[in-house]
N, C-alpha and C. Protein backbone atom coordinates (compact mmCIF):
# COMPACT_ATOMS: atom_id res chain seq x y z
N MET A 1 -31.81 31.66 22.83
CA MET A 1 -31.24 32.86 22.96
C MET A 1 -31.26 32.67 21.31
N ASN A 2 -30.42 32.10 21.30
CA ASN A 2 -29.55 31.75 19.43
C ASN A 2 -30.47 31.64 18.21
N ARG A 3 -31.88 31.03 19.10
CA ARG A 3 -32.87 30.81 17.66
C ARG A 3 -33.81 32.35 17.38
N ARG A 4 -33.39 33.63 18.40
CA ARG A 4 -34.05 34.38 18.47
C ARG A 4 -33.05 35.71 17.85
N ILE A 5 -31.81 35.44 17.58
CA ILE A 5 -30.81 36.37 17.05
C ILE A 5 -31.11 36.26 15.62
N GLY A 6 -30.72 35.51 14.74
CA GLY A 6 -31.19 35.43 13.96
C GLY A 6 -31.93 36.34 12.56
N PRO A 7 -33.11 35.39 13.72
CA PRO A 7 -34.36 36.74 12.54
C PRO A 7 -34.17 37.85 12.85
N THR A 8 -33.95 38.44 14.41
CA THR A 8 -33.70 39.93 14.91
C THR A 8 -32.37 40.66 14.31
N LEU A 9 -31.68 39.75 13.69
CA LEU A 9 -30.64 40.42 12.56
C LEU A 9 -31.46 40.16 11.69
N ILE A 10 -31.94 39.69 10.68
CA ILE A 10 -32.25 40.25 9.57
C ILE A 10 -33.62 41.01 9.70
N ALA A 11 -34.16 41.21 10.53
CA ALA A 11 -35.45 42.48 10.60
C ALA A 11 -34.58 43.98 10.93
N LEU A 12 -33.78 43.84 11.80
CA LEU A 12 -32.76 45.07 11.34
C LEU A 12 -32.47 45.53 10.60
N ALA A 13 -31.69 44.15 9.74
CA ALA A 13 -31.24 44.52 8.32
C ALA A 13 -32.36 45.49 7.49
N VAL A 14 -33.49 44.60 7.24
CA VAL A 14 -34.20 44.88 6.52
C VAL A 14 -34.66 46.38 6.84
N ILE A 15 -34.64 46.71 7.98
CA ILE A 15 -35.36 48.26 8.70
C ILE A 15 -34.21 49.10 8.44
N SER A 16 -32.95 48.45 8.34
CA SER A 16 -32.01 49.29 8.02
C SER A 16 -31.91 49.76 6.45
N THR A 17 -31.97 48.88 5.25
CA THR A 17 -32.12 48.91 4.03
C THR A 17 -33.41 49.95 3.73
N LEU A 18 -34.06 49.76 4.51
CA LEU A 18 -35.40 50.22 4.47
C LEU A 18 -34.84 51.78 4.34
N SER A 19 -34.38 51.95 5.57
CA SER A 19 -34.55 53.32 6.29
C SER A 19 -33.36 54.36 4.97
N LEU A 20 -32.10 53.44 4.16
CA LEU A 20 -31.16 54.08 3.59
C LEU A 20 -31.89 54.80 2.37
N GLY A 21 -33.24 53.56 2.03
CA GLY A 21 -34.08 54.25 0.93
C GLY A 21 -34.64 55.39 0.50
N CYS A 22 -35.51 55.92 1.86
CA CYS A 22 -36.32 56.61 2.06
C CYS A 22 -35.33 57.99 2.54
N SER A 23 -36.27 58.61 1.25
CA SER A 23 -35.52 59.85 1.85
C SER A 23 -36.58 61.29 2.54
N ARG A 24 -36.26 62.23 2.54
CA ARG A 24 -37.02 63.45 3.28
C ARG A 24 -37.98 63.78 2.73
N VAL A 25 -39.24 63.67 3.29
CA VAL A 25 -40.19 64.06 2.29
C VAL A 25 -40.77 65.70 2.23
N ASP A 26 -40.68 66.25 1.62
CA ASP A 26 -40.97 67.33 1.86
C ASP A 26 -42.48 68.00 2.77
N SER A 27 -42.39 69.14 3.34
CA SER A 27 -43.88 69.27 4.21
C SER A 27 -44.84 69.78 3.27
N ARG A 28 -45.95 68.72 3.40
CA ARG A 28 -46.72 68.97 2.39
C ARG A 28 -48.39 68.80 3.11
N GLU A 29 -48.61 70.17 3.90
CA GLU A 29 -49.63 70.28 5.03
C GLU A 29 -51.30 69.09 4.08
N ASN A 30 -51.38 69.24 3.25
CA ASN A 30 -52.56 68.67 2.59
C ASN A 30 -52.56 67.46 1.89
N ALA A 31 -51.61 66.99 1.96
CA ALA A 31 -51.01 65.93 0.80
C ALA A 31 -51.74 64.80 1.82
N PRO A 32 -52.57 63.73 1.18
CA PRO A 32 -52.44 62.04 1.78
C PRO A 32 -50.98 61.55 2.06
N ARG A 33 -50.66 61.03 3.35
CA ARG A 33 -49.38 60.33 3.67
C ARG A 33 -49.52 59.02 2.76
N THR A 34 -48.53 58.72 2.44
CA THR A 34 -48.26 57.46 1.38
C THR A 34 -47.62 56.18 2.26
N ALA A 35 -47.56 55.23 1.97
CA ALA A 35 -46.63 54.19 2.40
C ALA A 35 -45.58 54.52 2.77
N GLY A 36 -44.81 55.31 1.95
CA GLY A 36 -43.51 55.63 2.03
C GLY A 36 -42.89 56.75 3.07
N ASP A 37 -44.22 57.39 3.19
CA ASP A 37 -44.27 58.60 4.61
C ASP A 37 -44.10 57.89 5.36
N SER A 38 -44.53 56.64 5.62
CA SER A 38 -45.15 56.03 6.91
C SER A 38 -43.99 55.05 7.23
N ILE A 39 -43.11 54.52 5.99
CA ILE A 39 -42.20 53.46 6.16
C ILE A 39 -40.67 54.87 6.82
N HIS A 40 -41.02 55.91 6.14
CA HIS A 40 -39.59 56.94 6.49
C HIS A 40 -40.02 57.15 7.65
N ASP A 41 -41.11 57.48 8.23
CA ASP A 41 -41.61 57.62 10.08
C ASP A 41 -41.28 56.61 10.71
N ALA A 42 -41.13 55.30 10.22
CA ALA A 42 -41.22 53.97 11.37
C ALA A 42 -39.67 53.77 11.11
N SER A 43 -38.44 54.41 9.97
CA SER A 43 -37.35 54.40 10.43
C SER A 43 -36.97 55.11 11.02
N ILE A 44 -37.01 56.35 11.44
CA ILE A 44 -36.48 57.11 11.86
C ILE A 44 -36.79 56.76 13.18
N THR A 45 -38.34 55.94 14.11
CA THR A 45 -38.30 55.76 15.06
C THR A 45 -37.64 54.66 15.49
N MET A 46 -37.34 53.48 14.53
CA MET A 46 -36.10 52.27 14.75
C MET A 46 -35.00 53.11 15.00
N ARG A 47 -34.72 53.99 13.99
CA ARG A 47 -33.01 54.69 14.39
C ARG A 47 -32.96 55.29 16.02
N ILE A 48 -34.16 55.43 16.47
CA ILE A 48 -33.98 56.48 17.27
C ILE A 48 -34.02 55.02 18.85
N LYS A 49 -35.04 54.58 18.87
CA LYS A 49 -35.03 53.25 19.84
C LYS A 49 -33.67 52.31 19.37
N THR A 50 -32.78 52.16 18.68
CA THR A 50 -31.62 51.43 18.40
C THR A 50 -30.72 51.88 19.01
N THR A 51 -31.04 53.60 18.89
CA THR A 51 -29.46 54.30 19.67
C THR A 51 -29.64 54.28 20.98
N TYR A 52 -31.22 54.41 21.50
CA TYR A 52 -31.39 54.13 22.88
C TYR A 52 -31.10 52.94 23.79
N LEU A 53 -31.22 51.99 22.51
CA LEU A 53 -31.02 50.61 23.26
C LEU A 53 -29.56 50.07 23.34
N PHE A 54 -28.88 50.71 22.75
CA PHE A 54 -27.08 51.04 23.35
C PHE A 54 -26.23 51.99 24.13
N ASN A 55 -27.49 52.44 24.79
CA ASN A 55 -27.05 54.02 25.18
C ASN A 55 -27.24 53.60 26.83
N GLY A 56 -26.04 53.29 27.49
CA GLY A 56 -25.76 52.76 28.61
C GLY A 56 -26.40 53.79 29.76
N HIS A 57 -27.18 54.77 29.47
CA HIS A 57 -27.84 56.00 30.34
C HIS A 57 -29.06 55.89 30.14
N LEU A 58 -29.77 55.56 29.36
CA LEU A 58 -31.13 55.35 29.07
C LEU A 58 -31.70 54.31 29.35
N ASN A 59 -32.77 53.95 29.52
CA ASN A 59 -33.86 52.69 29.43
C ASN A 59 -34.65 53.00 28.30
N PRO A 60 -34.63 52.07 27.27
CA PRO A 60 -35.29 52.47 25.94
C PRO A 60 -36.86 51.67 25.98
N PHE A 61 -37.27 51.29 27.67
CA PHE A 61 -38.19 50.24 27.61
C PHE A 61 -39.02 51.39 28.41
N ARG A 62 -38.58 52.65 28.79
CA ARG A 62 -39.26 53.37 29.23
C ARG A 62 -39.94 54.84 28.85
N ILE A 63 -39.12 54.92 27.64
CA ILE A 63 -39.07 55.93 26.15
C ILE A 63 -39.88 55.31 25.10
N ASN A 64 -41.30 56.07 24.77
CA ASN A 64 -41.93 55.50 23.34
C ASN A 64 -41.55 56.70 22.82
N VAL A 65 -41.35 56.11 21.49
CA VAL A 65 -40.80 57.27 20.20
C VAL A 65 -42.03 57.22 19.41
N ASP A 66 -42.75 58.36 19.19
CA ASP A 66 -43.74 58.17 17.74
C ASP A 66 -43.24 59.48 17.04
N THR A 67 -43.27 58.93 15.37
CA THR A 67 -43.17 60.08 14.39
C THR A 67 -43.97 60.13 13.48
N HIS A 68 -44.11 61.10 13.30
CA HIS A 68 -44.91 61.66 11.98
C HIS A 68 -44.70 62.71 11.23
N ASP A 69 -44.50 62.23 9.58
CA ASP A 69 -44.03 63.62 9.04
C ASP A 69 -42.38 64.08 9.61
N GLY A 70 -41.98 63.16 9.97
CA GLY A 70 -40.05 63.68 10.58
C GLY A 70 -40.26 64.39 11.87
N VAL A 71 -41.56 64.82 12.92
CA VAL A 71 -41.78 65.29 14.34
C VAL A 71 -41.96 64.22 15.21
N VAL A 72 -40.85 64.13 16.08
CA VAL A 72 -40.91 63.14 16.97
C VAL A 72 -41.34 63.53 18.39
N THR A 73 -42.12 62.50 18.35
CA THR A 73 -42.51 63.05 20.17
C THR A 73 -41.75 62.02 21.28
N LEU A 74 -41.40 62.62 22.25
CA LEU A 74 -40.77 61.07 23.28
C LEU A 74 -41.77 61.04 24.65
N HIS A 75 -42.65 60.11 24.95
CA HIS A 75 -42.94 60.25 25.82
C HIS A 75 -42.83 59.05 26.58
N GLY A 76 -42.94 59.19 28.13
CA GLY A 76 -42.30 58.03 29.30
C GLY A 76 -41.74 58.74 30.64
N THR A 77 -40.87 58.16 31.09
CA THR A 77 -40.95 58.31 32.02
C THR A 77 -38.75 58.19 31.88
N VAL A 78 -37.91 59.00 32.65
CA VAL A 78 -36.57 59.37 32.84
C VAL A 78 -36.43 59.33 34.40
N PRO A 79 -34.89 59.16 35.04
CA PRO A 79 -34.86 59.53 35.97
C PRO A 79 -34.64 61.03 36.56
N SER A 80 -34.35 61.83 35.83
CA SER A 80 -33.98 62.98 35.80
C SER A 80 -34.02 63.62 34.91
N ASP A 81 -33.64 65.24 34.99
CA ASP A 81 -33.25 66.25 33.51
C ASP A 81 -32.27 65.80 32.66
N ILE A 82 -31.19 65.47 33.30
CA ILE A 82 -30.19 65.17 32.30
C ILE A 82 -30.41 63.97 31.43
N HIS A 83 -31.32 62.83 32.06
CA HIS A 83 -31.40 61.66 30.76
C HIS A 83 -32.51 62.19 30.06
N ARG A 84 -33.59 63.33 30.42
CA ARG A 84 -34.57 63.80 29.69
C ARG A 84 -34.04 64.54 28.52
N ASP A 85 -32.93 65.19 28.77
CA ASP A 85 -32.31 66.16 27.49
C ASP A 85 -31.57 65.32 26.87
N LEU A 86 -30.71 64.56 27.20
CA LEU A 86 -29.90 63.47 26.50
C LEU A 86 -30.63 62.37 25.28
N ALA A 87 -31.97 62.15 26.15
CA ALA A 87 -32.85 61.43 25.03
C ALA A 87 -33.30 62.12 23.88
N ALA A 88 -33.57 63.57 24.33
CA ALA A 88 -34.30 64.63 23.24
C ALA A 88 -32.98 64.62 22.32
N GLU A 89 -31.98 65.12 22.41
CA GLU A 89 -30.62 65.23 21.97
C GLU A 89 -30.39 64.02 21.33
N ILE A 90 -30.47 63.01 21.16
CA ILE A 90 -30.26 61.68 21.02
C ILE A 90 -31.10 61.72 19.41
N ALA A 91 -32.66 61.98 19.27
CA ALA A 91 -33.65 61.76 18.66
C ALA A 91 -33.50 63.35 17.95
N LYS A 92 -33.16 64.06 18.34
CA LYS A 92 -32.46 65.67 17.48
C LYS A 92 -31.54 65.21 16.24
N ASN A 93 -30.56 64.17 16.85
CA ASN A 93 -29.03 64.08 15.84
C ASN A 93 -29.69 62.73 14.50
N ALA A 94 -30.89 62.00 14.93
CA ALA A 94 -30.91 60.99 14.04
C ALA A 94 -31.50 61.80 12.70
N ASP A 95 -30.81 60.91 11.56
CA ASP A 95 -31.23 61.49 9.96
C ASP A 95 -32.66 61.40 9.95
N GLY A 96 -33.39 62.80 9.56
CA GLY A 96 -34.29 62.69 9.12
C GLY A 96 -35.38 63.70 10.05
N VAL A 97 -35.36 63.62 11.33
CA VAL A 97 -35.96 64.27 12.01
C VAL A 97 -35.65 65.81 12.02
N LYS A 98 -37.24 66.42 11.78
CA LYS A 98 -37.22 67.58 11.84
C LYS A 98 -37.73 68.77 13.07
N GLU A 99 -38.06 68.00 13.78
CA GLU A 99 -38.19 68.48 15.15
C GLU A 99 -38.67 67.84 16.39
N VAL A 100 -38.21 67.97 17.17
CA VAL A 100 -38.42 66.86 18.37
C VAL A 100 -39.40 67.72 19.89
N ASP A 101 -40.59 66.67 20.04
CA ASP A 101 -41.65 67.41 21.01
C ASP A 101 -41.36 66.38 22.56
N ASN A 102 -40.61 66.49 23.47
CA ASN A 102 -40.05 66.25 24.34
C ASN A 102 -40.98 66.24 25.21
N GLU A 103 -41.80 64.98 25.40
CA GLU A 103 -42.69 65.11 26.56
C GLU A 103 -42.60 63.92 27.54
N LEU A 104 -41.14 63.61 27.89
CA LEU A 104 -40.55 62.77 28.90
C LEU A 104 -40.89 63.23 30.27
N GLN A 105 -41.42 62.86 31.16
CA GLN A 105 -41.56 62.86 32.77
C GLN A 105 -40.50 62.39 33.40
N LEU A 106 -40.31 63.24 34.50
CA LEU A 106 -39.33 62.39 35.64
C LEU A 106 -39.99 61.68 36.65
N ALA A 107 -39.23 60.69 36.76
CA ALA A 107 -40.13 59.26 37.32
C ALA A 107 -40.09 59.92 38.90
N PRO A 108 -40.93 59.38 39.57
CA PRO A 108 -40.87 59.41 41.37
C PRO A 108 -40.11 59.02 41.96
N GLY A 109 -39.18 59.67 42.42
CA GLY A 109 -38.02 59.27 43.08
C GLY A 109 -36.72 59.21 42.44
N GLY A 110 -36.89 59.65 40.85
CA GLY A 110 -35.75 59.31 40.22
C GLY A 110 -35.34 58.50 40.01
N SER A 111 -36.37 57.39 39.72
CA SER A 111 -36.20 55.60 39.21
C SER A 111 -36.84 55.93 38.58
N ASP A 112 -36.46 54.32 37.21
CA ASP A 112 -37.34 54.32 36.16
C ASP A 112 -38.32 52.88 36.88
N GLY A 113 -37.95 52.74 37.94
CA GLY A 113 -39.06 51.54 38.10
C GLY A 113 -37.93 50.79 38.63
N PRO A 114 -38.91 49.25 39.31
CA PRO A 114 -38.40 48.14 39.68
C PRO A 114 -37.52 47.23 38.80
N ASP A 115 -38.38 47.41 37.53
CA ASP A 115 -37.89 46.25 36.89
C ASP A 115 -36.85 46.71 35.60
N GLU A 116 -36.22 47.57 35.99
CA GLU A 116 -35.68 48.82 35.18
C GLU A 116 -34.59 48.24 34.62
N GLY A 117 -33.88 46.92 35.18
CA GLY A 117 -32.69 45.98 35.09
C GLY A 117 -33.30 44.40 34.60
N GLU A 118 -34.26 44.57 35.04
CA GLU A 118 -34.69 43.05 34.61
C GLU A 118 -34.92 42.20 33.01
N LYS A 119 -35.20 43.12 32.53
CA LYS A 119 -35.24 42.84 30.71
C LYS A 119 -33.88 42.52 30.09
N SER A 120 -33.54 41.62 29.56
CA SER A 120 -32.62 41.47 29.22
C SER A 120 -32.32 41.68 27.78
N PHE A 121 -31.43 41.62 27.26
CA PHE A 121 -30.37 42.30 26.03
C PHE A 121 -31.44 41.60 25.03
N GLY A 122 -31.48 40.41 25.11
CA GLY A 122 -32.37 39.60 24.22
C GLY A 122 -33.71 40.00 23.71
N ALA A 123 -34.28 40.20 24.75
CA ALA A 123 -35.97 40.65 25.02
C ALA A 123 -35.86 41.88 24.59
N ALA A 124 -34.88 42.60 24.74
CA ALA A 124 -35.17 44.33 24.56
C ALA A 124 -35.09 44.06 22.75
N VAL A 125 -34.31 43.21 22.40
CA VAL A 125 -34.03 43.52 20.70
C VAL A 125 -35.30 42.66 20.22
N GLY A 126 -36.10 41.60 21.18
CA GLY A 126 -37.05 40.98 20.43
C GLY A 126 -38.15 41.59 20.37
N ASP A 127 -38.47 42.53 21.68
CA ASP A 127 -39.28 43.88 21.56
C ASP A 127 -38.94 44.77 20.71
N ALA A 128 -37.88 45.35 20.60
CA ALA A 128 -37.79 46.50 19.26
C ALA A 128 -38.00 45.82 17.81
N THR A 129 -37.55 44.27 17.67
CA THR A 129 -38.10 43.97 16.23
C THR A 129 -39.78 43.57 16.15
N THR A 130 -40.32 43.35 17.03
CA THR A 130 -41.46 43.17 17.01
C THR A 130 -42.30 44.09 16.56
N THR A 131 -41.93 45.63 17.57
CA THR A 131 -42.53 46.69 17.17
C THR A 131 -42.28 46.98 16.12
N ALA A 132 -41.11 47.23 15.38
CA ALA A 132 -40.73 47.65 14.10
C ALA A 132 -41.74 46.75 12.77
N THR A 133 -41.46 45.26 13.10
CA THR A 133 -42.29 44.40 12.25
C THR A 133 -44.18 44.93 12.33
N ILE A 134 -44.58 44.88 13.47
CA ILE A 134 -45.79 45.38 13.17
C ILE A 134 -46.17 47.24 12.68
N LYS A 135 -45.18 47.60 12.73
CA LYS A 135 -45.10 49.37 12.31
C LYS A 135 -45.01 49.00 10.79
N LEU A 136 -44.19 48.15 10.18
CA LEU A 136 -44.00 48.01 8.44
C LEU A 136 -45.63 47.24 8.15
N SER A 137 -45.58 46.54 8.71
CA SER A 137 -47.39 45.56 8.15
C SER A 137 -48.35 46.63 8.74
N LEU A 138 -48.37 47.83 9.29
CA LEU A 138 -49.30 48.53 9.20
C LEU A 138 -49.61 49.12 8.33
N ALA A 139 -48.22 49.74 8.01
CA ALA A 139 -47.55 50.93 6.55
C ALA A 139 -48.05 50.16 5.55
N PHE A 140 -47.66 48.67 5.16
CA PHE A 140 -48.37 48.25 4.07
C PHE A 140 -49.56 47.75 3.79
N GLU A 141 -50.16 47.87 5.21
CA GLU A 141 -51.92 47.52 5.00
C GLU A 141 -53.15 48.48 4.36
N ARG A 142 -53.53 47.81 3.37
CA ARG A 142 -54.67 49.11 2.99
C ARG A 142 -55.47 49.04 4.24
N GLY A 143 -56.25 49.93 3.88
CA GLY A 143 -57.41 49.99 5.22
C GLY A 143 -57.37 50.57 6.41
N VAL A 144 -55.72 50.85 6.87
CA VAL A 144 -55.16 50.93 7.72
C VAL A 144 -54.31 52.41 7.90
N LYS A 145 -54.41 53.53 8.55
CA LYS A 145 -53.51 54.75 8.22
C LYS A 145 -52.54 54.13 9.09
N ALA A 146 -51.64 53.87 8.83
CA ALA A 146 -49.88 53.36 10.38
C ALA A 146 -49.81 54.63 11.02
N SER A 147 -49.91 56.09 10.45
CA SER A 147 -49.31 57.09 10.67
C SER A 147 -50.05 58.04 11.91
N HIS A 148 -51.26 57.36 12.07
CA HIS A 148 -52.07 57.25 13.24
C HIS A 148 -51.92 56.30 14.25
N ILE A 149 -50.84 55.62 14.42
CA ILE A 149 -51.34 54.40 15.23
C ILE A 149 -49.86 54.05 15.62
N ALA A 150 -49.69 54.25 17.04
CA ALA A 150 -48.55 54.14 17.80
C ALA A 150 -48.78 52.87 18.31
N VAL A 151 -46.97 52.17 18.21
CA VAL A 151 -46.97 50.76 18.66
C VAL A 151 -46.06 50.48 19.66
N HIS A 152 -46.40 49.68 20.89
CA HIS A 152 -44.93 49.66 22.06
C HIS A 152 -45.27 48.12 22.10
N THR A 153 -44.21 47.58 22.34
CA THR A 153 -44.14 46.36 22.57
C THR A 153 -43.08 46.09 24.08
N ASP A 154 -43.52 44.94 25.14
CA ASP A 154 -43.10 44.73 26.40
C ASP A 154 -42.80 43.67 26.77
N ARG A 155 -42.12 43.23 26.60
CA ARG A 155 -41.87 41.34 26.87
C ARG A 155 -43.15 40.65 25.89
N GLY A 156 -42.98 41.20 25.05
CA GLY A 156 -44.04 40.16 24.11
C GLY A 156 -45.97 40.81 23.96
N THR A 157 -46.06 41.92 24.95
CA THR A 157 -47.30 42.18 25.02
C THR A 157 -47.15 43.70 24.36
N VAL A 158 -47.71 43.87 23.35
CA VAL A 158 -48.28 44.83 22.51
C VAL A 158 -49.48 45.77 22.49
N THR A 159 -49.26 47.36 22.57
CA THR A 159 -50.40 48.05 23.22
C THR A 159 -50.14 49.15 21.31
N LEU A 160 -51.87 49.08 21.69
CA LEU A 160 -51.70 50.06 20.25
C LEU A 160 -52.64 51.21 20.82
N THR A 161 -52.37 52.42 20.46
CA THR A 161 -52.68 53.80 20.76
C THR A 161 -52.69 54.49 19.49
N GLY A 162 -53.91 55.56 19.86
CA GLY A 162 -54.12 56.41 18.69
C GLY A 162 -55.58 56.66 18.46
N GLU A 163 -55.62 57.02 17.12
CA GLU A 163 -57.19 57.07 16.44
C GLU A 163 -57.49 56.56 15.13
N VAL A 164 -58.61 55.80 14.92
CA VAL A 164 -58.57 55.17 13.77
C VAL A 164 -60.12 55.61 12.89
N ASP A 165 -60.41 55.53 11.80
CA ASP A 165 -61.38 55.94 11.07
C ASP A 165 -62.56 55.20 11.74
N SER A 166 -62.45 54.08 11.70
CA SER A 166 -63.52 53.10 12.03
C SER A 166 -63.30 51.53 13.21
N GLN A 167 -64.43 51.42 13.60
CA GLN A 167 -63.96 50.07 14.02
C GLN A 167 -63.40 49.14 13.07
N ALA A 168 -63.79 48.86 11.82
CA ALA A 168 -63.17 48.03 11.06
C ALA A 168 -61.38 48.07 11.20
N GLU A 169 -61.13 49.27 11.02
CA GLU A 169 -60.15 49.41 11.11
C GLU A 169 -59.08 49.26 12.70
N ARG A 170 -59.80 49.92 13.53
CA ARG A 170 -59.00 49.13 14.82
C ARG A 170 -59.09 48.05 15.08
N GLN A 171 -60.09 47.01 14.23
CA GLN A 171 -59.73 45.24 14.42
C GLN A 171 -58.54 44.92 13.44
N LEU A 172 -58.31 45.45 12.47
CA LEU A 172 -57.79 45.11 11.27
C LEU A 172 -56.41 45.08 12.38
N ALA A 173 -56.02 46.66 12.73
CA ALA A 173 -54.81 46.67 13.40
C ALA A 173 -54.34 45.80 14.57
N ALA A 174 -55.30 45.32 15.27
CA ALA A 174 -54.87 44.34 16.10
C ALA A 174 -54.94 43.09 15.75
N ARG A 175 -55.60 42.67 14.58
CA ARG A 175 -55.53 41.45 14.17
C ARG A 175 -53.66 41.19 13.66
N ILE A 176 -53.12 42.30 12.82
CA ILE A 176 -52.29 42.59 12.28
C ILE A 176 -51.06 42.22 13.60
N ALA A 177 -51.36 43.14 14.98
CA ALA A 177 -50.45 42.96 15.65
C ALA A 177 -50.67 41.75 16.47
N ARG A 178 -51.77 40.77 16.56
CA ARG A 178 -52.22 39.56 16.93
C ARG A 178 -50.85 38.30 16.57
N ASP A 179 -50.89 38.37 14.99
CA ASP A 179 -50.65 37.72 13.59
C ASP A 179 -49.17 37.53 13.71
N THR A 180 -48.41 38.75 14.33
CA THR A 180 -46.54 38.92 14.25
C THR A 180 -46.16 38.01 15.39
N GLU A 181 -45.35 37.53 14.84
CA GLU A 181 -44.30 36.40 15.24
C GLU A 181 -43.78 36.93 16.59
N GLY A 182 -44.01 36.33 17.55
CA GLY A 182 -43.36 36.79 19.28
C GLY A 182 -44.43 37.95 19.76
N VAL A 183 -45.63 37.74 19.56
CA VAL A 183 -46.99 38.85 20.45
C VAL A 183 -47.22 37.73 21.12
N LYS A 184 -47.66 37.91 22.31
CA LYS A 184 -48.58 37.09 23.19
C LYS A 184 -49.33 37.42 23.65
N HIS A 185 -49.59 38.61 23.93
CA HIS A 185 -50.96 39.50 24.03
C HIS A 185 -51.12 40.99 23.31
N VAL A 186 -51.91 41.55 22.96
CA VAL A 186 -52.45 42.97 22.19
C VAL A 186 -53.42 43.58 23.13
N VAL A 187 -52.84 44.64 23.88
CA VAL A 187 -53.77 45.52 24.39
C VAL A 187 -54.25 46.89 23.55
N ASN A 188 -55.54 46.71 23.30
CA ASN A 188 -55.86 47.68 21.60
C ASN A 188 -56.74 48.62 22.71
N GLU A 189 -55.90 49.80 22.65
CA GLU A 189 -56.36 50.81 23.20
C GLU A 189 -56.70 51.95 21.99
N LEU A 190 -56.68 51.98 20.91
CA LEU A 190 -56.97 52.83 19.74
C LEU A 190 -58.62 52.73 19.89
N MET A 191 -58.77 54.37 19.78
CA MET A 191 -59.99 54.98 20.10
C MET A 191 -60.55 55.50 18.30
N VAL A 192 -61.87 55.45 18.00
CA VAL A 192 -62.55 55.72 16.76
C VAL A 192 -63.00 56.89 16.93
N ARG A 193 -62.71 57.63 15.46
CA ARG A 193 -63.19 58.96 15.83
C ARG A 193 -64.44 59.00 15.47
N GLY A 194 -64.93 59.70 16.17
CA GLY A 194 -66.61 60.12 15.63
C GLY A 194 -67.25 60.94 16.59
């Protein structure tokens, strides 16, 4: 476990440093997104996910956070309306957030599922780091529109969702995810527009 903490802390420090350097981007409906836009969105997502990770009332592994142009969308399940509202409030208060679209659903029976407590803190930090690393790699990769790709990591299994312009872009995104340290398996659910 100690071998994993060092790289995890370094990754979190890099993400924190990058997020400090990102400024709020003015609304530009028709302007193309830049790598800076994608990094800004990734830093917002990371800040929210990190806050969820340290909140004792939320299960961060059941909440997916996607950010596009400062608009945060929350997907996943929570045990009650109170948890749903708490997750939205945390997201609204994150620096750089313009709006929150709360699509969280209530889990059947008011539970987050049987494996809610099974994931260790180290595994949680590892998955969050893997997600952030992949998002940053996608943001810097030419030929990939990172803002259209959502990344979720659970115990080393990475799921890619969203839409891409071509089969080549779909394959490149999957290769970037596969080549990331800590990734055991990639589920590529990216759809090619057409």
